[in-house]
Amino acid sequence: MKIQLFDSKYSEEWDEFVRSSPTGTCYHLSGWGYVLIEVCNFRSFSIMAVNNSNKITGILPLFMIRDILGKKYFISNPFLNYAGVCALDWKTEDSLVKKAEEMAVENNVEYVELKHLSNEVNNLKTKKDCVTMFLDLRESSDFVWKHSFKSTTRNRIRKGIKAGLTVDFGNQYLDAFYKVLSTNLRDLGTPIHPKKLFQKILEEFNNTSGIIVVKQQDKVIGGMFYIYHKKVFSDPWVSTLREYNNLCPSDFLYWEAIKFAGENGFENFDMGRSTLDSGTYLFKKKWGAEPVQLNYQYFLNKADKIPKVNANDNKYQLAINMWKRMPLIIANTIGPKLVKYLPEL
């Protein structure tokens, strides 16, 4: 077995390995490399294990990013919730991690961050602050409605129906979706990704990604950017406009997405990352979604501790409060240029 840098000529073999592996996810696919390199100019250090028959037996997506001060980091998939080591056995997994550590030393990076869904790698420091929430869709939509949701959730969905809300599907809604998402992120004090990122994802994963919007009459008041892989339907980005909260557009949008996913044969709905007992966690829990541990693991090269982001920390709160007061047009101009330098987001 040898460990080597990913080469584009192996794209098909890489993706076939991801599709065949029990731990392979949509965020492991090679297409993310093309998106992140083109949109953010990140350098790929993705590696793969190849056996004597020239077959891939393990992969590790890895990208170098720099912070605003020029410090370097290796992250297994920036901007996304998980995508760590994916290998046939622990020996291959160990070899991939050791190679990543060697490259970290050679390239003088602060740390290596591996974002694992459930699995852990031995001897690495681990942060367990977050989970992702999975809703079981193997039963019918009627069963999910009756047995998974709390009564308050069903009532809020009915409220959206009575208000005349509708949903529609299509990539033609990218601009409208981006406007809603950028408005909400500004209000939360968080920079927005460049719109080009979403454009390139739709192009690269043209058969497995898309946009759902919720409307009041003809006005788009919310949207969900989804991507699917195997039997898992995921919504990495979703947002609704706060001024329409009285119509319950978020509940209505999620219900329509759940129905769509269930009726199209998906077995799980990945509702995304949350901190335990946070507002977003409790929102997803009310749908009957169950937490799956996210293990963010670190090889600390130059850094002396695991990075942590606490919005209540004064050093973050000041920046958040300033961002919230920023005019949207300025936030949407600065945010896309800034966000790629924020490895802790």
Protein backbone atom coordinates (compact mmCIF):
# COMPACT_ATOMS: atom_id res chain seq x y z
CA MET A 1 0.00 0.00 0.00
CA LYS A 2 1.15 3.52 -0.76
CA ILE A 3 -0.23 6.93 0.19
CA GLN A 4 -0.24 9.52 -2.57
CA LEU A 5 -1.70 12.90 -3.36
CA PHE A 6 -5.01 12.88 -5.20
CA ASP A 7 -4.73 13.32 -8.95
CA SER A 8 -7.72 14.30 -11.10
CA LYS A 9 -7.22 11.21 -13.25
CA TYR A 10 -8.43 9.22 -10.23
CA SER A 11 -11.69 11.18 -9.85
CA GLU A 12 -13.93 8.34 -11.01
CA GLU A 13 -12.13 5.75 -8.88
CA TRP A 14 -12.20 8.09 -5.87
CA ASP A 15 -15.95 8.66 -6.18
CA GLU A 16 -16.64 4.97 -6.77
CA PHE A 17 -14.78 4.19 -3.55
CA VAL A 18 -16.87 6.79 -1.69
CA ARG A 19 -20.09 5.34 -3.08
CA SER A 20 -19.12 1.79 -2.10
CA SER A 21 -17.82 2.63 1.38
CA PRO A 22 -20.24 2.43 4.36
CA THR A 23 -18.66 5.62 5.75
CA GLY A 24 -18.53 7.50 2.45
CA THR A 25 -20.71 10.64 2.39
CA CYS A 26 -21.64 13.29 -0.16
CA TYR A 27 -19.01 15.56 1.39
CA HIS A 28 -16.22 13.09 0.52
CA LEU A 29 -16.82 13.25 -3.23
CA SER A 30 -14.04 14.60 -5.43
CA GLY A 31 -16.23 17.36 -6.86
CA TRP A 32 -15.85 19.41 -3.67
CA GLY A 33 -12.18 19.82 -4.45
CA TYR A 34 -12.92 21.42 -7.82
CA VAL A 35 -15.50 23.72 -6.22
CA LEU A 36 -13.27 24.87 -3.34
CA ILE A 37 -10.20 25.34 -5.52
CA GLU A 38 -12.02 27.38 -8.16
CA VAL A 39 -14.15 29.49 -5.81
CA CYS A 40 -11.81 30.00 -2.86
CA ASN A 41 -8.41 29.26 -4.36
CA PHE A 42 -7.69 26.72 -1.61
CA ARG A 43 -4.80 24.30 -2.21
CA SER A 44 -5.73 20.62 -2.21
CA PHE A 45 -3.62 18.22 -0.17
CA SER A 46 -6.16 15.41 -0.48
CA ILE A 47 -4.58 11.97 -0.24
CA MET A 48 -5.53 8.40 -1.02
CA ALA A 49 -4.29 4.94 -0.16
CA VAL A 50 -3.64 2.68 -3.15
CA ASN A 51 -2.93 -1.07 -2.90
CA ASN A 52 -0.62 -3.21 -5.04
CA SER A 53 -3.42 -3.70 -7.58
CA ASN A 54 -3.68 0.09 -7.96
CA LYS A 55 -7.09 0.10 -6.24
CA ILE A 56 -8.06 2.84 -3.82
CA THR A 57 -8.52 1.53 -0.26
CA GLY A 58 -8.89 4.81 1.59
CA ILE A 59 -9.21 8.56 1.09
CA LEU A 60 -8.82 11.78 3.05
CA PRO A 61 -9.99 15.10 1.55
CA LEU A 62 -7.69 17.82 2.84
CA PHE A 63 -7.34 21.50 1.98
CA MET A 64 -4.94 24.21 3.06
CA ILE A 65 -6.51 27.48 4.06
CA ARG A 66 -5.01 30.62 5.57
CA ASP A 67 -6.47 32.95 8.17
CA ILE A 68 -6.49 36.72 7.92
CA LEU A 69 -2.97 36.85 9.41
CA GLY A 70 -1.54 34.34 6.95
CA LYS A 71 -1.41 31.35 9.32
CA LYS A 72 -2.01 28.01 7.56
CA TYR A 73 -4.37 25.16 8.40
CA PHE A 74 -5.30 21.76 6.97
CA ILE A 75 -9.06 21.06 7.10
CA SER A 76 -10.79 17.99 5.73
CA ASN A 77 -13.61 19.95 4.12
CA PRO A 78 -13.95 23.68 4.85
CA PHE A 79 -17.53 25.07 5.10
CA LEU A 80 -19.14 21.63 5.51
CA ASN A 81 -20.16 19.61 8.55
CA TYR A 82 -18.13 16.44 8.06
CA ALA A 83 -15.72 14.64 5.72
CA GLY A 84 -12.84 12.98 7.53
CA VAL A 85 -10.98 9.75 6.88
CA CYS A 86 -12.83 7.13 4.81
CA ALA A 87 -10.96 3.82 4.67
CA LEU A 88 -11.47 0.06 4.43
CA ASP A 89 -9.67 -0.75 7.68
CA TRP A 90 -7.93 0.86 10.63
CA LYS A 91 -4.42 0.28 9.21
CA THR A 92 -5.27 2.28 6.08
CA GLU A 93 -6.96 4.92 8.22
CA ASP A 94 -3.87 5.18 10.41
CA SER A 95 -1.57 5.48 7.39
CA LEU A 96 -3.65 8.32 5.93
CA VAL A 97 -3.63 10.22 9.22
CA LYS A 98 0.12 9.80 9.64
CA LYS A 99 0.67 11.12 6.11
CA ALA A 100 -1.53 14.13 6.91
CA GLU A 101 0.55 14.77 10.03
CA GLU A 102 3.79 14.56 8.03
CA MET A 103 2.45 17.05 5.48
CA ALA A 104 1.37 19.36 8.29
CA VAL A 105 4.92 19.47 9.62
CA GLU A 106 6.40 19.89 6.13
CA ASN A 107 4.04 22.76 5.31
CA ASN A 108 4.27 24.46 8.69
CA VAL A 109 0.51 24.52 9.33
CA GLU A 110 -1.03 25.33 12.72
CA TYR A 111 -3.13 22.19 12.94
CA VAL A 112 -4.96 19.49 10.99
CA GLU A 113 -8.73 19.34 11.51
CA LEU A 114 -10.52 16.13 10.52
CA LYS A 115 -14.31 16.38 10.61
CA HIS A 116 -15.61 12.90 11.34
CA LEU A 117 -19.20 11.70 11.34
CA SER A 118 -19.38 9.22 14.25
CA ASN A 119 -16.01 7.52 13.78
CA GLU A 120 -12.91 8.59 15.69
CA VAL A 121 -9.21 8.18 14.97
CA ASN A 122 -7.07 7.02 17.87
CA ASN A 123 -4.49 9.34 19.47
CA LEU A 124 -5.99 12.56 18.09
CA LYS A 125 -7.46 15.26 20.31
CA THR A 126 -11.22 15.40 19.86
CA LYS A 127 -13.85 18.13 20.12
CA LYS A 128 -17.41 16.89 20.68
CA ASP A 129 -19.27 20.20 20.77
CA CYS A 130 -21.64 19.46 17.91
CA VAL A 131 -23.96 16.81 16.51
CA THR A 132 -25.79 16.46 13.23
CA MET A 133 -29.47 15.60 13.34
CA PHE A 134 -30.82 12.63 11.36
CA LEU A 135 -34.54 12.08 10.77
CA ASP A 136 -35.56 8.51 9.86
CA LEU A 137 -37.63 8.50 6.66
CA ARG A 138 -38.01 4.76 6.12
CA GLU A 139 -41.70 4.92 6.98
CA SER A 140 -44.32 6.80 4.95
CA SER A 141 -44.83 10.56 5.20
CA ASP A 142 -48.13 9.90 6.99
CA PHE A 143 -46.34 7.78 9.58
CA VAL A 144 -43.67 10.44 10.07
CA TRP A 145 -46.39 13.10 10.44
CA LYS A 146 -48.25 11.11 13.09
CA HIS A 147 -45.37 9.54 15.03
CA SER A 148 -42.27 11.73 14.63
CA PHE A 149 -43.53 15.29 14.94
CA LYS A 150 -44.72 17.00 18.11
CA SER A 151 -48.26 18.38 18.00
CA THR A 152 -46.91 21.95 18.07
CA THR A 153 -44.94 21.19 14.90
CA ARG A 154 -48.01 19.88 13.10
CA ASN A 155 -49.95 22.97 14.18
CA ARG A 156 -47.25 25.29 12.84
CA ILE A 157 -47.24 23.45 9.49
CA ARG A 158 -51.03 23.81 9.32
CA LYS A 159 -50.63 27.52 10.01
CA GLY A 160 -48.34 27.83 6.98
CA ILE A 161 -50.84 25.93 4.85
CA LYS A 162 -53.71 28.18 5.98
CA ALA A 163 -51.59 31.25 5.18
CA GLY A 164 -51.41 30.05 1.58
CA LEU A 165 -47.68 29.31 1.54
CA THR A 166 -46.39 27.28 -1.38
CA VAL A 167 -43.10 25.67 -2.35
CA ASP A 168 -41.31 25.39 -5.65
CA PHE A 169 -38.16 23.64 -6.83
CA GLY A 170 -35.45 24.79 -9.21
CA ASN A 171 -31.99 26.26 -9.60
CA GLN A 172 -33.55 29.37 -11.11
CA TYR A 173 -34.17 30.45 -7.52
CA LEU A 174 -30.48 30.78 -6.66
CA ASP A 175 -30.58 34.59 -6.53
CA ALA A 176 -33.70 34.63 -4.36
CA PHE A 177 -32.30 31.95 -2.05
CA TYR A 178 -29.00 33.80 -1.72
CA LYS A 179 -30.78 37.04 -0.83
CA VAL A 180 -32.71 35.32 1.98
CA LEU A 181 -29.62 33.49 3.29
CA SER A 182 -27.38 36.55 3.19
CA THR A 183 -30.01 38.65 5.01
CA ASN A 184 -30.34 36.10 7.81
CA LEU A 185 -26.60 35.58 8.18
CA ARG A 186 -26.04 39.34 8.36
CA ASP A 187 -28.69 39.51 11.10
CA LEU A 188 -26.85 36.74 12.98
CA GLY A 189 -23.51 38.52 12.59
CA THR A 190 -21.99 35.93 10.25
CA PRO A 191 -20.29 36.52 6.85
CA ILE A 192 -21.93 34.94 3.80
CA HIS A 193 -20.19 32.62 1.35
CA PRO A 194 -19.77 33.91 -2.21
CA LYS A 195 -22.74 33.20 -4.45
CA LYS A 196 -20.29 31.57 -6.83
CA LEU A 197 -19.85 28.77 -4.28
CA PHE A 198 -23.50 27.78 -4.62
CA GLN A 199 -23.40 28.17 -8.40
CA LYS A 200 -20.42 25.81 -8.67
CA ILE A 201 -21.97 23.23 -6.34
CA LEU A 202 -25.10 23.17 -8.53
CA GLU A 203 -22.91 22.74 -11.61
CA GLU A 204 -20.59 20.09 -10.13
CA PHE A 205 -23.42 18.11 -8.53
CA ASN A 206 -26.03 18.93 -11.13
CA ASN A 207 -27.88 15.63 -10.69
CA THR A 208 -27.82 15.49 -6.89
CA SER A 209 -28.31 19.06 -5.64
CA GLY A 210 -30.93 21.76 -5.91
CA ILE A 211 -32.97 24.50 -4.29
CA ILE A 212 -36.44 24.49 -2.69
CA VAL A 213 -38.12 27.81 -1.94
CA VAL A 214 -41.16 28.74 0.12
CA LYS A 215 -43.33 31.58 -1.18
CA GLN A 216 -46.05 33.86 0.05
CA GLN A 217 -47.91 34.54 -3.16
CA ASP A 218 -45.04 35.30 -5.58
CA LYS A 219 -42.49 36.46 -2.99
CA VAL A 220 -39.74 34.05 -1.95
CA ILE A 221 -39.56 34.21 1.85
CA GLY A 222 -37.31 31.20 2.48
CA GLY A 223 -35.21 28.56 0.83
CA MET A 224 -33.28 25.32 1.29
CA PHE A 225 -30.14 24.29 -0.59
CA TYR A 226 -30.06 20.49 -0.64
CA ILE A 227 -27.72 17.75 -1.77
CA TYR A 228 -28.17 14.00 -1.63
CA HIS A 229 -26.00 10.90 -1.73
CA LYS A 230 -26.92 7.23 -1.46
CA LYS A 231 -30.01 7.22 0.80
CA VAL A 232 -29.27 10.46 2.67
CA PHE A 233 -30.92 13.80 1.85
CA SER A 234 -29.03 16.77 3.37
CA ASP A 235 -29.75 20.49 3.73
CA PRO A 236 -26.40 22.22 4.37
CA TRP A 237 -28.00 25.68 3.98
CA VAL A 238 -31.56 26.71 4.85
CA SER A 239 -33.06 30.05 5.85
CA THR A 240 -36.31 32.03 6.02
CA LEU A 241 -36.96 35.74 6.46
CA ARG A 242 -37.62 36.68 10.08
CA GLU A 243 -40.37 39.19 9.32
CA TYR A 244 -42.55 36.29 8.10
CA ASN A 245 -42.05 34.08 11.18
CA ASN A 246 -45.70 34.51 12.14
CA LEU A 247 -46.60 32.46 9.04
CA CYS A 248 -44.29 29.59 10.10
CA PRO A 249 -42.46 29.37 6.73
CA SER A 250 -39.57 27.35 8.18
CA ASP A 251 -41.87 24.60 9.48
CA PHE A 252 -43.79 24.53 6.20
CA LEU A 253 -40.56 24.37 4.16
CA TYR A 254 -39.12 21.52 6.22
CA TRP A 255 -42.35 19.53 5.96
CA GLU A 256 -42.41 19.88 2.18
CA ALA A 257 -38.71 18.87 2.00
CA ILE A 258 -39.32 15.87 4.27
CA LYS A 259 -42.23 14.75 2.07
CA PHE A 260 -40.13 15.19 -1.07
CA ALA A 261 -37.22 13.20 0.38
CA GLY A 262 -39.41 10.39 1.70
CA GLU A 263 -41.42 10.07 -1.51
CA ASN A 264 -38.19 9.84 -3.52
CA GLY A 265 -36.78 6.89 -1.59
CA PHE A 266 -34.39 8.55 0.87
CA GLU A 267 -34.05 6.80 4.22
CA ASN A 268 -32.55 9.64 6.25
CA PHE A 269 -32.82 13.41 6.29
CA ASP A 270 -29.63 15.02 7.60
CA MET A 271 -30.94 18.25 9.09
CA GLY A 272 -27.45 19.58 9.78
CA ARG A 273 -25.11 20.58 12.55
CA SER A 274 -26.21 21.88 15.93
CA THR A 275 -24.80 22.40 19.38
CA LEU A 276 -26.56 20.23 21.96
CA ASP A 277 -29.54 21.97 23.58
CA SER A 278 -29.15 25.07 21.38
CA GLY A 279 -32.13 26.67 19.66
CA THR A 280 -31.37 24.95 16.34
CA TYR A 281 -30.93 21.60 18.13
CA LEU A 282 -34.33 21.90 19.82
CA PHE A 283 -35.94 22.99 16.52
CA LYS A 284 -34.67 19.86 14.77
CA LYS A 285 -35.44 17.62 17.74
CA LYS A 286 -39.13 18.53 17.55
CA TRP A 287 -39.29 16.84 14.13
CA GLY A 288 -38.18 13.57 15.68
CA ALA A 289 -34.59 13.88 14.44
CA GLU A 290 -31.95 12.13 16.54
CA PRO A 291 -28.40 13.40 17.20
CA VAL A 292 -25.39 11.75 15.58
CA GLN A 293 -22.08 12.76 17.14
CA LEU A 294 -19.67 14.85 15.12
CA ASN A 295 -16.08 14.17 16.18
CA TYR A 296 -13.80 17.00 15.12
CA GLN A 297 -10.29 15.67 15.61
CA TYR A 298 -6.99 17.52 15.62
CA PHE A 299 -3.31 17.04 15.10
CA LEU A 300 -1.79 20.09 16.76
CA ASN A 301 1.40 20.99 14.94
CA LYS A 302 2.16 24.62 15.84
CA ALA A 303 -1.08 25.34 17.71
CA ASP A 304 -1.09 24.58 21.44
CA LYS A 305 -4.83 23.94 21.88
CA ILE A 306 -7.96 22.89 20.01
CA PRO A 307 -9.70 25.90 18.40
CA LYS A 308 -13.02 26.88 19.97
CA VAL A 309 -15.57 29.44 18.87
CA ASN A 310 -17.89 30.87 21.50
CA ALA A 311 -20.23 33.59 20.27
CA ASN A 312 -20.52 34.86 23.85
CA ASP A 313 -16.78 35.44 24.06
CA ASN A 314 -16.10 39.17 24.05
CA LYS A 315 -13.58 38.90 21.23
CA TYR A 316 -16.28 37.43 18.96
CA GLN A 317 -19.27 39.33 20.32
CA LEU A 318 -17.88 42.71 19.35
CA ALA A 319 -17.34 41.61 15.74
CA ILE A 320 -20.77 39.93 15.64
CA ASN A 321 -22.54 43.04 16.90
CA MET A 322 -20.74 45.22 14.35
CA TRP A 323 -21.66 42.83 11.53
CA LYS A 324 -25.33 42.82 12.54
CA ARG A 325 -25.48 46.60 12.10
CA MET A 326 -23.79 46.57 8.71
CA PRO A 327 -25.89 47.50 5.63
CA LEU A 328 -26.68 44.33 3.67
CA ILE A 329 -25.00 45.55 0.48
CA ILE A 330 -21.73 46.08 2.37
CA ALA A 331 -21.98 42.77 4.24
CA ASN A 332 -22.56 40.96 0.94
CA THR A 333 -19.52 42.66 -0.56
CA ILE A 334 -17.10 42.09 2.31
CA GLY A 335 -18.41 38.74 3.59
CA PRO A 336 -17.58 36.57 0.55
CA LYS A 337 -14.03 37.96 0.51
CA LEU A 338 -13.58 37.44 4.26
CA VAL A 339 -15.18 34.07 4.96
CA LYS A 340 -12.46 31.97 3.33
CA TYR A 341 -10.00 33.32 5.91
CA LEU A 342 -12.04 32.10 8.87
CA PRO A 343 -11.00 28.49 9.55
CA GLU A 344 -12.93 28.29 12.82
CA LEU A 345 -16.37 28.84 11.22
